[in-house]
Amino acid sequence: MSTYLVAIVIGHFDYIQGITPDGIQVRVYTQVGKTDQGRFALDVALKSLNLYKDYFAVPYPLPKLDMVAIPDFASGAMENYGLVTYRETALLYDEKLSSASNKQNRKI
């Protein structure tokens, strides 16, 4: 692994988590009080890891995948080794306030 791919995130976050059928732990970290907006991202990530494994015949190589929603993050997202940081608006989805097109544009 290149040192360019190392990332550490420090802050006050809540998280929700799930586990794929292969035992990979997937977490979505959000600002405190916004975990409900991360449920769609978690659901898609869990399904996607399994789909990609079957489609490409290559298993995900890590024991975990963390996705972190960061307010005012400069870019849309940054892929690191086992940790993907996102602009909050690129990852979170509010069932009550977001449009259907907003849901389609989640960048997981």
PDB file of N, CA and C in Angstrom:
ATOM      1  N   MET A   1       0.839  -1.182   0.000  1.00  0.00           N
ATOM      2  CA  MET A   1       0.000   0.000   0.000  1.00  0.00           C
ATOM      3  C   MET A   1       0.885   1.245   0.000  1.00  0.00           C
ATOM      4  N   SER A   2       0.548   2.176  -0.831  1.00  0.00           N
ATOM      5  CA  SER A   2       1.269   3.442  -0.899  1.00  0.00           C
ATOM      6  C   SER A   2       0.904   4.318   0.296  1.00  0.00           C
ATOM      7  N   THR A   3       1.863   5.065   0.802  1.00  0.00           N
ATOM      8  CA  THR A   3       1.575   5.973   1.919  1.00  0.00           C
ATOM      9  C   THR A   3       0.605   7.070   1.506  1.00  0.00           C
ATOM     10  N   TYR A   4       0.492   7.314   0.224  1.00  0.00           N
ATOM     11  CA  TYR A   4      -0.462   8.298  -0.290  1.00  0.00           C
ATOM     12  C   TYR A   4      -1.898   7.898   0.043  1.00  0.00           C
ATOM     13  N   LEU A   5      -2.132   6.606   0.257  1.00  0.00           N
ATOM     14  CA  LEU A   5      -3.479   6.116   0.504  1.00  0.00           C
ATOM     15  C   LEU A   5      -3.843   6.018   1.977  1.00  0.00           C
ATOM     16  N   VAL A   6      -2.953   6.425   2.859  1.00  0.00           N
ATOM     17  CA  VAL A   6      -3.231   6.396   4.293  1.00  0.00           C
ATOM     18  C   VAL A   6      -4.066   7.614   4.666  1.00  0.00           C
ATOM     19  N   ALA A   7      -5.098   7.392   5.485  1.00  0.00           N
ATOM     20  CA  ALA A   7      -5.940   8.504   5.936  1.00  0.00           C
ATOM     21  C   ALA A   7      -6.362   8.264   7.375  1.00  0.00           C
ATOM     22  N   ILE A   8      -6.436   9.337   8.126  1.00  0.00           N
ATOM     23  CA  ILE A   8      -6.933   9.312   9.500  1.00  0.00           C
ATOM     24  C   ILE A   8      -7.938  10.446   9.622  1.00  0.00           C
ATOM     25  N   VAL A   9      -9.093  10.141  10.184  1.00  0.00           N
ATOM     26  CA  VAL A   9     -10.124  11.155  10.387  1.00  0.00           C
ATOM     27  C   VAL A   9     -10.373  11.273  11.883  1.00  0.00           C
ATOM     28  N   ILE A  10     -10.314  12.486  12.398  1.00  0.00           N
ATOM     29  CA  ILE A  10     -10.545  12.733  13.823  1.00  0.00           C
ATOM     30  C   ILE A  10     -11.670  13.747  13.950  1.00  0.00           C
ATOM     31  N   GLY A  11     -12.631  13.457  14.789  1.00  0.00           N
ATOM     32  CA  GLY A  11     -13.736  14.385  15.002  1.00  0.00           C
ATOM     33  C   GLY A  11     -14.843  13.725  15.806  1.00  0.00           C
ATOM     34  N   HIS A  12     -15.904  14.458  16.006  1.00  0.00           N
ATOM     35  CA  HIS A  12     -17.074  13.943  16.725  1.00  0.00           C
ATOM     36  C   HIS A  12     -18.038  13.369  15.700  1.00  0.00           C
ATOM     37  N   PHE A  13     -18.028  12.048  15.560  1.00  0.00           N
ATOM     38  CA  PHE A  13     -18.867  11.369  14.585  1.00  0.00           C
ATOM     39  C   PHE A  13     -19.694  10.286  15.263  1.00  0.00           C
ATOM     40  N   ASP A  14     -20.858  10.042  14.696  1.00  0.00           N
ATOM     41  CA  ASP A  14     -21.646   8.849  14.988  1.00  0.00           C
ATOM     42  C   ASP A  14     -21.457   7.918  13.805  1.00  0.00           C
ATOM     43  N   TYR A  15     -21.784   6.653  13.978  1.00  0.00           N
ATOM     44  CA  TYR A  15     -21.720   5.758  12.827  1.00  0.00           C
ATOM     45  C   TYR A  15     -22.814   4.714  12.899  1.00  0.00           C
ATOM     46  N   ILE A  16     -23.133   4.191  11.726  1.00  0.00           N
ATOM     47  CA  ILE A  16     -23.979   3.011  11.604  1.00  0.00           C
ATOM     48  C   ILE A  16     -23.144   1.978  10.871  1.00  0.00           C
ATOM     49  N   GLN A  17     -23.452   0.719  11.076  1.00  0.00           N
ATOM     50  CA  GLN A  17     -22.627  -0.310  10.456  1.00  0.00           C
ATOM     51  C   GLN A  17     -23.452  -1.502  10.026  1.00  0.00           C
ATOM     52  N   GLY A  18     -22.879  -2.254   9.127  1.00  0.00           N
ATOM     53  CA  GLY A  18     -23.442  -3.506   8.665  1.00  0.00           C
ATOM     54  C   GLY A  18     -22.300  -4.425   8.289  1.00  0.00           C
ATOM     55  N   ILE A  19     -22.632  -5.677   8.046  1.00  0.00           N
ATOM     56  CA  ILE A  19     -21.613  -6.664   7.690  1.00  0.00           C
ATOM     57  C   ILE A  19     -22.079  -7.406   6.443  1.00  0.00           C
ATOM     58  N   THR A  20     -21.192  -7.536   5.471  1.00  0.00           N
ATOM     59  CA  THR A  20     -21.519  -8.259   4.241  1.00  0.00           C
ATOM     60  C   THR A  20     -21.597  -9.754   4.536  1.00  0.00           C
ATOM     61  N   PRO A  21     -22.170 -10.533   3.621  1.00  0.00           N
ATOM     62  CA  PRO A  21     -22.187 -11.993   3.818  1.00  0.00           C
ATOM     63  C   PRO A  21     -20.785 -12.595   3.969  1.00  0.00           C
ATOM     64  N   ASP A  22     -19.769 -11.904   3.460  1.00  0.00           N
ATOM     65  CA  ASP A  22     -18.389 -12.381   3.585  1.00  0.00           C
ATOM     66  C   ASP A  22     -17.709 -11.898   4.865  1.00  0.00           C
ATOM     67  N   GLY A  23     -18.433 -11.183   5.712  1.00  0.00           N
ATOM     68  CA  GLY A  23     -17.882 -10.731   6.984  1.00  0.00           C
ATOM     69  C   GLY A  23     -17.141  -9.411   6.941  1.00  0.00           C
ATOM     70  N   ILE A  24     -17.292  -8.642   5.872  1.00  0.00           N
ATOM     71  CA  ILE A  24     -16.635  -7.336   5.783  1.00  0.00           C
ATOM     72  C   ILE A  24     -17.479  -6.312   6.529  1.00  0.00           C
ATOM     73  N   GLN A  25     -16.851  -5.629   7.468  1.00  0.00           N
ATOM     74  CA  GLN A  25     -17.540  -4.599   8.257  1.00  0.00           C
ATOM     75  C   GLN A  25     -17.577  -3.294   7.466  1.00  0.00           C
ATOM     76  N   VAL A  26     -18.768  -2.755   7.275  1.00  0.00           N
ATOM     77  CA  VAL A  26     -18.945  -1.498   6.552  1.00  0.00           C
ATOM     78  C   VAL A  26     -19.571  -0.495   7.514  1.00  0.00           C
ATOM     79  N   ARG A  27     -18.950   0.674   7.617  1.00  0.00           N
ATOM     80  CA  ARG A  27     -19.471   1.731   8.490  1.00  0.00           C
ATOM     81  C   ARG A  27     -19.638   3.025   7.710  1.00  0.00           C
ATOM     82  N   VAL A  28     -20.676   3.769   8.064  1.00  0.00           N
ATOM     83  CA  VAL A  28     -20.884   5.120   7.546  1.00  0.00           C
ATOM     84  C   VAL A  28     -20.825   6.057   8.743  1.00  0.00           C
ATOM     85  N   TYR A  29     -19.847   6.959   8.729  1.00  0.00           N
ATOM     86  CA  TYR A  29     -19.671   7.939   9.795  1.00  0.00           C
ATOM     87  C   TYR A  29     -20.297   9.259   9.362  1.00  0.00           C
ATOM     88  N   THR A  30     -21.051   9.869  10.284  1.00  0.00           N
ATOM     89  CA  THR A  30     -21.707  11.146  10.006  1.00  0.00           C
ATOM     90  C   THR A  30     -21.514  12.078  11.196  1.00  0.00           C
ATOM     91  N   GLN A  31     -21.883  13.336  10.990  1.00  0.00           N
ATOM     92  CA  GLN A  31     -21.936  14.242  12.127  1.00  0.00           C
ATOM     93  C   GLN A  31     -22.938  13.674  13.126  1.00  0.00           C
ATOM     94  N   VAL A  32     -22.748  13.981  14.389  1.00  0.00           N
ATOM     95  CA  VAL A  32     -23.651  13.509  15.431  1.00  0.00           C
ATOM     96  C   VAL A  32     -25.082  13.921  15.080  1.00  0.00           C
ATOM     97  N   GLY A  33     -25.988  12.962  15.125  1.00  0.00           N
ATOM     98  CA  GLY A  33     -27.395  13.224  14.851  1.00  0.00           C
ATOM     99  C   GLY A  33     -27.821  13.027  13.409  1.00  0.00           C
ATOM    100  N   LYS A  34     -26.895  12.646  12.523  1.00  0.00           N
ATOM    101  CA  LYS A  34     -27.248  12.489  11.109  1.00  0.00           C
ATOM    102  C   LYS A  34     -27.119  11.051  10.606  1.00  0.00           C
ATOM    103  N   THR A  35     -27.022  10.091  11.506  1.00  0.00           N
ATOM    104  CA  THR A  35     -26.813   8.711  11.052  1.00  0.00           C
ATOM    105  C   THR A  35     -27.972   8.200  10.204  1.00  0.00           C
ATOM    106  N   ASP A  36     -29.195   8.682  10.465  1.00  0.00           N
ATOM    107  CA  ASP A  36     -30.330   8.228   9.663  1.00  0.00           C
ATOM    108  C   ASP A  36     -30.144   8.583   8.187  1.00  0.00           C
ATOM    109  N   GLN A  37     -29.408   9.657   7.901  1.00  0.00           N
ATOM    110  CA  GLN A  37     -29.158  10.063   6.516  1.00  0.00           C
ATOM    111  C   GLN A  37     -28.090   9.193   5.845  1.00  0.00           C
ATOM    112  N   GLY A  38     -27.410   8.377   6.617  1.00  0.00           N
ATOM    113  CA  GLY A  38     -26.388   7.493   6.067  1.00  0.00           C
ATOM    114  C   GLY A  38     -26.884   6.089   5.764  1.00  0.00           C
ATOM    115  N   ARG A  39     -28.130   5.795   6.087  1.00  0.00           N
ATOM    116  CA  ARG A  39     -28.657   4.440   5.905  1.00  0.00           C
ATOM    117  C   ARG A  39     -28.692   3.999   4.440  1.00  0.00           C
ATOM    118  N   PHE A  40     -29.069   4.907   3.553  1.00  0.00           N
ATOM    119  CA  PHE A  40     -29.103   4.553   2.129  1.00  0.00           C
ATOM    120  C   PHE A  40     -27.693   4.215   1.643  1.00  0.00           C
ATOM    121  N   ALA A  41     -26.708   5.013   2.016  1.00  0.00           N
ATOM    122  CA  ALA A  41     -25.318   4.761   1.616  1.00  0.00           C
ATOM    123  C   ALA A  41     -24.833   3.414   2.151  1.00  0.00           C
ATOM    124  N   LEU A  42     -25.171   3.106   3.385  1.00  0.00           N
ATOM    125  CA  LEU A  42     -24.764   1.826   3.972  1.00  0.00           C
ATOM    126  C   LEU A  42     -25.393   0.668   3.211  1.00  0.00           C
ATOM    127  N   ASP A  43     -26.671   0.771   2.923  1.00  0.00           N
ATOM    128  CA  ASP A  43     -27.373  -0.288   2.202  1.00  0.00           C
ATOM    129  C   ASP A  43     -26.753  -0.521   0.819  1.00  0.00           C
ATOM    130  N   VAL A  44     -26.488   0.557   0.094  1.00  0.00           N
ATOM    131  CA  VAL A  44     -25.895   0.440  -1.243  1.00  0.00           C
ATOM    132  C   VAL A  44     -24.478  -0.137  -1.160  1.00  0.00           C
ATOM    133  N   ALA A  45     -23.700   0.299  -0.189  1.00  0.00           N
ATOM    134  CA  ALA A  45     -22.327  -0.198  -0.048  1.00  0.00           C
ATOM    135  C   ALA A  45     -22.309  -1.697   0.245  1.00  0.00           C
ATOM    136  N   LEU A  46     -23.175  -2.144   1.137  1.00  0.00           N
ATOM    137  CA  LEU A  46     -23.226  -3.568   1.469  1.00  0.00           C
ATOM    138  C   LEU A  46     -23.590  -4.401   0.240  1.00  0.00           C
ATOM    139  N   LYS A  47     -24.571  -3.948  -0.509  1.00  0.00           N
ATOM    140  CA  LYS A  47     -24.981  -4.678  -1.715  1.00  0.00           C
ATOM    141  C   LYS A  47     -23.912  -4.600  -2.806  1.00  0.00           C
ATOM    142  N   SER A  48     -23.270  -3.452  -2.936  1.00  0.00           N
ATOM    143  CA  SER A  48     -22.273  -3.259  -3.995  1.00  0.00           C
ATOM    144  C   SER A  48     -21.047  -4.141  -3.800  1.00  0.00           C
ATOM    145  N   LEU A  49     -20.565  -4.252  -2.574  1.00  0.00           N
ATOM    146  CA  LEU A  49     -19.385  -5.092  -2.334  1.00  0.00           C
ATOM    147  C   LEU A  49     -19.647  -6.529  -2.760  1.00  0.00           C
ATOM    148  N   ASN A  50     -20.833  -7.019  -2.443  1.00  0.00           N
ATOM    149  CA  ASN A  50     -21.182  -8.387  -2.815  1.00  0.00           C
ATOM    150  C   ASN A  50     -21.362  -8.517  -4.331  1.00  0.00           C
ATOM    151  N   LEU A  51     -22.011  -7.543  -4.943  1.00  0.00           N
ATOM    152  CA  LEU A  51     -22.213  -7.552  -6.397  1.00  0.00           C
ATOM    153  C   LEU A  51     -20.881  -7.517  -7.141  1.00  0.00           C
ATOM    154  N   TYR A  52     -19.981  -6.633  -6.726  1.00  0.00           N
ATOM    155  CA  TYR A  52     -18.677  -6.518  -7.386  1.00  0.00           C
ATOM    156  C   TYR A  52     -17.867  -7.809  -7.248  1.00  0.00           C
ATOM    157  N   LYS A  53     -17.945  -8.419  -6.072  1.00  0.00           N
ATOM    158  CA  LYS A  53     -17.222  -9.680  -5.864  1.00  0.00           C
ATOM    159  C   LYS A  53     -17.717 -10.740  -6.842  1.00  0.00           C
ATOM    160  N   ASP A  54     -19.017 -10.845  -6.997  1.00  0.00           N
ATOM    161  CA  ASP A  54     -19.582 -11.843  -7.907  1.00  0.00           C
ATOM    162  C   ASP A  54     -19.318 -11.492  -9.371  1.00  0.00           C
ATOM    163  N   TYR A  55     -19.491 -10.242  -9.731  1.00  0.00           N
ATOM    164  CA  TYR A  55     -19.368  -9.822 -11.130  1.00  0.00           C
ATOM    165  C   TYR A  55     -17.927  -9.896 -11.636  1.00  0.00           C
ATOM    166  N   PHE A  56     -16.996  -9.397 -10.829  1.00  0.00           N
ATOM    167  CA  PHE A  56     -15.592  -9.359 -11.253  1.00  0.00           C
ATOM    168  C   PHE A  56     -14.790 -10.584 -10.794  1.00  0.00           C
ATOM    169  N   ALA A  57     -15.389 -11.415  -9.961  1.00  0.00           N
ATOM    170  CA  ALA A  57     -14.725 -12.599  -9.402  1.00  0.00           C
ATOM    171  C   ALA A  57     -13.459 -12.224  -8.641  1.00  0.00           C
ATOM    172  N   VAL A  58     -13.505 -11.060  -7.979  1.00  0.00           N
ATOM    173  CA  VAL A  58     -12.388 -10.598  -7.158  1.00  0.00           C
ATOM    174  C   VAL A  58     -12.974 -10.118  -5.829  1.00  0.00           C
ATOM    175  N   PRO A  59     -12.623 -10.764  -4.728  1.00  0.00           N
ATOM    176  CA  PRO A  59     -13.169 -10.337  -3.442  1.00  0.00           C
ATOM    177  C   PRO A  59     -12.546  -9.023  -2.963  1.00  0.00           C
ATOM    178  N   TYR A  60     -13.303  -8.283  -2.183  1.00  0.00           N
ATOM    179  CA  TYR A  60     -12.779  -7.065  -1.554  1.00  0.00           C
ATOM    180  C   TYR A  60     -11.644  -7.489  -0.631  1.00  0.00           C
ATOM    181  N   PRO A  61     -10.463  -6.870  -0.726  1.00  0.00           N
ATOM    182  CA  PRO A  61      -9.279  -7.393  -0.038  1.00  0.00           C
ATOM    183  C   PRO A  61      -9.127  -6.995   1.429  1.00  0.00           C
ATOM    184  N   LEU A  62      -9.984  -6.142   1.940  1.00  0.00           N
ATOM    185  CA  LEU A  62      -9.807  -5.643   3.305  1.00  0.00           C
ATOM    186  C   LEU A  62     -10.908  -6.158   4.225  1.00  0.00           C
ATOM    187  N   PRO A  63     -10.672  -6.155   5.537  1.00  0.00           N
ATOM    188  CA  PRO A  63     -11.700  -6.616   6.471  1.00  0.00           C
ATOM    189  C   PRO A  63     -12.758  -5.561   6.784  1.00  0.00           C
ATOM    190  N   LYS A  64     -12.554  -4.316   6.302  1.00  0.00           N
ATOM    191  CA  LYS A  64     -13.512  -3.257   6.605  1.00  0.00           C
ATOM    192  C   LYS A  64     -13.497  -2.191   5.520  1.00  0.00           C
ATOM    193  N   LEU A  65     -14.608  -1.444   5.472  1.00  0.00           N
ATOM    194  CA  LEU A  65     -14.721  -0.274   4.606  1.00  0.00           C
ATOM    195  C   LEU A  65     -15.437   0.798   5.409  1.00  0.00           C
ATOM    196  N   ASP A  66     -14.775   1.929   5.605  1.00  0.00           N
ATOM    197  CA  ASP A  66     -15.372   3.060   6.306  1.00  0.00           C
ATOM    198  C   ASP A  66     -15.645   4.172   5.311  1.00  0.00           C
ATOM    199  N   MET A  67     -16.823   4.766   5.413  1.00  0.00           N
ATOM    200  CA  MET A  67     -17.189   5.914   4.587  1.00  0.00           C
ATOM    201  C   MET A  67     -17.524   7.053   5.543  1.00  0.00           C
ATOM    202  N   VAL A  68     -16.885   8.195   5.345  1.00  0.00           N
ATOM    203  CA  VAL A  68     -17.025   9.315   6.272  1.00  0.00           C
ATOM    204  C   VAL A  68     -17.588  10.524   5.536  1.00  0.00           C
ATOM    205  N   ALA A  69     -18.709  11.044   6.032  1.00  0.00           N
ATOM    206  CA  ALA A  69     -19.327  12.251   5.475  1.00  0.00           C
ATOM    207  C   ALA A  69     -18.756  13.463   6.200  1.00  0.00           C
ATOM    208  N   ILE A  70     -18.082  14.333   5.451  1.00  0.00           N
ATOM    209  CA  ILE A  70     -17.420  15.501   6.036  1.00  0.00           C
ATOM    210  C   ILE A  70     -18.056  16.770   5.478  1.00  0.00           C
ATOM    211  N   PRO A  71     -18.581  17.638   6.352  1.00  0.00           N
ATOM    212  CA  PRO A  71     -19.133  18.899   5.853  1.00  0.00           C
ATOM    213  C   PRO A  71     -18.016  19.762   5.266  1.00  0.00           C
ATOM    214  N   ASP A  72     -18.301  20.453   4.201  1.00  0.00           N
ATOM    215  CA  ASP A  72     -17.348  21.378   3.568  1.00  0.00           C
ATOM    216  C   ASP A  72     -16.069  20.693   3.097  1.00  0.00           C
ATOM    217  N   PHE A  73     -16.144  19.434   2.740  1.00  0.00           N
ATOM    218  CA  PHE A  73     -14.996  18.717   2.182  1.00  0.00           C
ATOM    219  C   PHE A  73     -14.735  19.275   0.789  1.00  0.00           C
ATOM    220  N   ALA A  74     -13.491  19.588   0.491  1.00  0.00           N
ATOM    221  CA  ALA A  74     -13.150  20.313  -0.736  1.00  0.00           C
ATOM    222  C   ALA A  74     -13.533  19.565  -2.013  1.00  0.00           C
ATOM    223  N   SER A  75     -13.244  18.274  -2.071  1.00  0.00           N
ATOM    224  CA  SER A  75     -13.581  17.522  -3.280  1.00  0.00           C
ATOM    225  C   SER A  75     -14.839  16.699  -3.029  1.00  0.00           C
ATOM    226  N   GLY A  76     -15.333  16.037  -4.062  1.00  0.00           N
ATOM    227  CA  GLY A  76     -16.524  15.207  -3.899  1.00  0.00           C
ATOM    228  C   GLY A  76     -16.258  14.010  -3.009  1.00  0.00           C
ATOM    229  N   ALA A  77     -15.095  13.382  -3.223  1.00  0.00           N
ATOM    230  CA  ALA A  77     -14.716  12.223  -2.419  1.00  0.00           C
ATOM    231  C   ALA A  77     -13.227  11.953  -2.609  1.00  0.00           C
ATOM    232  N   MET A  78     -12.655  11.212  -1.666  1.00  0.00           N
ATOM    233  CA  MET A  78     -11.253  10.803  -1.764  1.00  0.00           C
ATOM    234  C   MET A  78     -11.162   9.359  -1.306  1.00  0.00           C
ATOM    235  N   GLU A  79     -10.654   8.519  -2.174  1.00  0.00           N
ATOM    236  CA  GLU A  79     -10.559   7.099  -1.893  1.00  0.00           C
ATOM    237  C   GLU A  79      -9.221   6.795  -1.240  1.00  0.00           C
ATOM    238  N   ASN A  80      -9.275   6.244  -0.055  1.00  0.00           N
ATOM    239  CA  ASN A  80      -8.083   5.828   0.675  1.00  0.00           C
ATOM    240  C   ASN A  80      -8.205   4.337   0.963  1.00  0.00           C
ATOM    241  N   TYR A  81      -7.196   3.765   1.551  1.00  0.00           N
ATOM    242  CA  TYR A  81      -7.159   2.331   1.804  1.00  0.00           C
ATOM    243  C   TYR A  81      -8.118   1.973   2.937  1.00  0.00           C
ATOM    244  N   GLY A  82      -9.305   1.477   2.597  1.00  0.00           N
ATOM    245  CA  GLY A  82     -10.292   1.085   3.593  1.00  0.00           C
ATOM    246  C   GLY A  82     -11.090   2.235   4.171  1.00  0.00           C
ATOM    247  N   LEU A  83     -10.868   3.455   3.679  1.00  0.00           N
ATOM    248  CA  LEU A  83     -11.556   4.646   4.199  1.00  0.00           C
ATOM    249  C   LEU A  83     -11.807   5.601   3.039  1.00  0.00           C
ATOM    250  N   VAL A  84     -13.065   5.891   2.786  1.00  0.00           N
ATOM    251  CA  VAL A  84     -13.417   6.839   1.734  1.00  0.00           C
ATOM    252  C   VAL A  84     -14.050   8.049   2.406  1.00  0.00           C
ATOM    253  N   THR A  85     -13.483   9.217   2.137  1.00  0.00           N
ATOM    254  CA  THR A  85     -14.039  10.457   2.681  1.00  0.00           C
ATOM    255  C   THR A  85     -14.868  11.126   1.592  1.00  0.00           C
ATOM    256  N   TYR A  86     -16.018  11.657   1.992  1.00  0.00           N
ATOM    257  CA  TYR A  86     -16.959  12.267   1.058  1.00  0.00           C
ATOM    258  C   TYR A  86     -17.356  13.652   1.535  1.00  0.00           C
ATOM    259  N   ARG A  87     -17.673  14.508   0.594  1.00  0.00           N
ATOM    260  CA  ARG A  87     -18.417  15.713   0.935  1.00  0.00           C
ATOM    261  C   ARG A  87     -19.770  15.219   1.441  1.00  0.00           C
ATOM    262  N   GLU A  88     -20.245  15.812   2.512  1.00  0.00           N
ATOM    263  CA  GLU A  88     -21.484  15.361   3.136  1.00  0.00           C
ATOM    264  C   GLU A  88     -22.631  15.254   2.124  1.00  0.00           C
ATOM    265  N   THR A  89     -22.724  16.229   1.238  1.00  0.00           N
ATOM    266  CA  THR A  89     -23.825  16.234   0.266  1.00  0.00           C
ATOM    267  C   THR A  89     -23.675  15.153  -0.801  1.00  0.00           C
ATOM    268  N   ALA A  90     -22.501  14.542  -0.915  1.00  0.00           N
ATOM    269  CA  ALA A  90     -22.282  13.477  -1.894  1.00  0.00           C
ATOM    270  C   ALA A  90     -22.586  12.096  -1.330  1.00  0.00           C
ATOM    271  N   LEU A  91     -22.745  11.984  -0.020  1.00  0.00           N
ATOM    272  CA  LEU A  91     -22.945  10.675   0.603  1.00  0.00           C
ATOM    273  C   LEU A  91     -24.295  10.538   1.296  1.00  0.00           C
ATOM    274  N   LEU A  92     -24.708  11.569   1.997  1.00  0.00           N
ATOM    275  CA  LEU A  92     -25.915  11.460   2.817  1.00  0.00           C
ATOM    276  C   LEU A  92     -27.176  11.730   2.007  1.00  0.00           C
ATOM    277  N   TYR A  93     -28.265  11.103   2.448  1.00  0.00           N
ATOM    278  CA  TYR A  93     -29.559  11.253   1.785  1.00  0.00           C
ATOM    279  C   TYR A  93     -30.622  11.372   2.862  1.00  0.00           C
ATOM    280  N   ASP A  94     -31.384  12.456   2.817  1.00  0.00           N
ATOM    281  CA  ASP A  94     -32.463  12.689   3.779  1.00  0.00           C
ATOM    282  C   ASP A  94     -33.782  12.291   3.130  1.00  0.00           C
ATOM    283  N   GLU A  95     -34.395  11.231   3.629  1.00  0.00           N
ATOM    284  CA  GLU A  95     -35.649  10.717   3.062  1.00  0.00           C
ATOM    285  C   GLU A  95     -36.742  11.782   3.018  1.00  0.00           C
ATOM    286  N   LYS A  96     -36.737  12.690   3.984  1.00  0.00           N
ATOM    287  CA  LYS A  96     -37.805  13.688   4.086  1.00  0.00           C
ATOM    288  C   LYS A  96     -37.563  14.905   3.204  1.00  0.00           C
ATOM    289  N   LEU A  97     -36.313  15.260   2.967  1.00  0.00           N
ATOM    290  CA  LEU A  97     -36.010  16.513   2.281  1.00  0.00           C
ATOM    291  C   LEU A  97     -35.393  16.357   0.894  1.00  0.00           C
ATOM    292  N   SER A  98     -34.766  15.234   0.616  1.00  0.00           N
ATOM    293  CA  SER A  98     -34.039  15.070  -0.646  1.00  0.00           C
ATOM    294  C   SER A  98     -34.958  14.594  -1.767  1.00  0.00           C
ATOM    295  N   SER A  99     -34.623  14.986  -2.982  1.00  0.00           N
ATOM    296  CA  SER A  99     -35.397  14.580  -4.156  1.00  0.00           C
ATOM    297  C   SER A  99     -34.958  13.196  -4.634  1.00  0.00           C
ATOM    298  N   ALA A 100     -35.745  12.621  -5.537  1.00  0.00           N
ATOM    299  CA  ALA A 100     -35.398  11.320  -6.113  1.00  0.00           C
ATOM    300  C   ALA A 100     -34.098  11.414  -6.907  1.00  0.00           C
ATOM    301  N   SER A 101     -33.896  12.519  -7.620  1.00  0.00           N
ATOM    302  CA  SER A 101     -32.652  12.674  -8.386  1.00  0.00           C
ATOM    303  C   SER A 101     -31.449  12.792  -7.452  1.00  0.00           C
ATOM    304  N   ASN A 102     -31.660  13.387  -6.285  1.00  0.00           N
ATOM    305  CA  ASN A 102     -30.599  13.471  -5.280  1.00  0.00           C
ATOM    306  C   ASN A 102     -30.203  12.064  -4.843  1.00  0.00           C
ATOM    307  N   LYS A 103     -31.185  11.200  -4.675  1.00  0.00           N
ATOM    308  CA  LYS A 103     -30.916   9.818  -4.268  1.00  0.00           C
ATOM    309  C   LYS A 103     -30.113   9.089  -5.345  1.00  0.00           C
ATOM    310  N   GLN A 104     -30.438   9.318  -6.612  1.00  0.00           N
ATOM    311  CA  GLN A 104     -29.729   8.667  -7.710  1.00  0.00           C
ATOM    312  C   GLN A 104     -28.284   9.137  -7.813  1.00  0.00           C
ATOM    313  N   ASN A 105     -27.991  10.321  -7.329  1.00  0.00           N
ATOM    314  CA  ASN A 105     -26.652  10.899  -7.459  1.00  0.00           C
ATOM    315  C   ASN A 105     -25.711  10.563  -6.309  1.00  0.00           C
ATOM    316  N   ARG A 106     -26.119   9.752  -5.357  1.00  0.00           N
ATOM    317  CA  ARG A 106     -25.219   9.381  -4.266  1.00  0.00           C
ATOM    318  C   ARG A 106     -24.017   8.693  -4.867  1.00  0.00           C
ATOM    319  N   LYS A 107     -22.837   9.028  -4.419  1.00  0.00           N
ATOM    320  CA  LYS A 107     -21.582   8.587  -5.044  1.00  0.00           C
ATOM    321  C   LYS A 107     -20.896   7.491  -4.239  1.00  0.00           C
ATOM    322  N   ILE A 108     -21.504   6.362  -4.180  1.00  0.00           N
ATOM    323  CA  ILE A 108     -20.957   5.282  -3.369  1.00  0.00           C
ATOM    324  C   ILE A 108     -20.141   4.350  -4.237  1.00  0.00           C
TER     325      ILE A 108
END
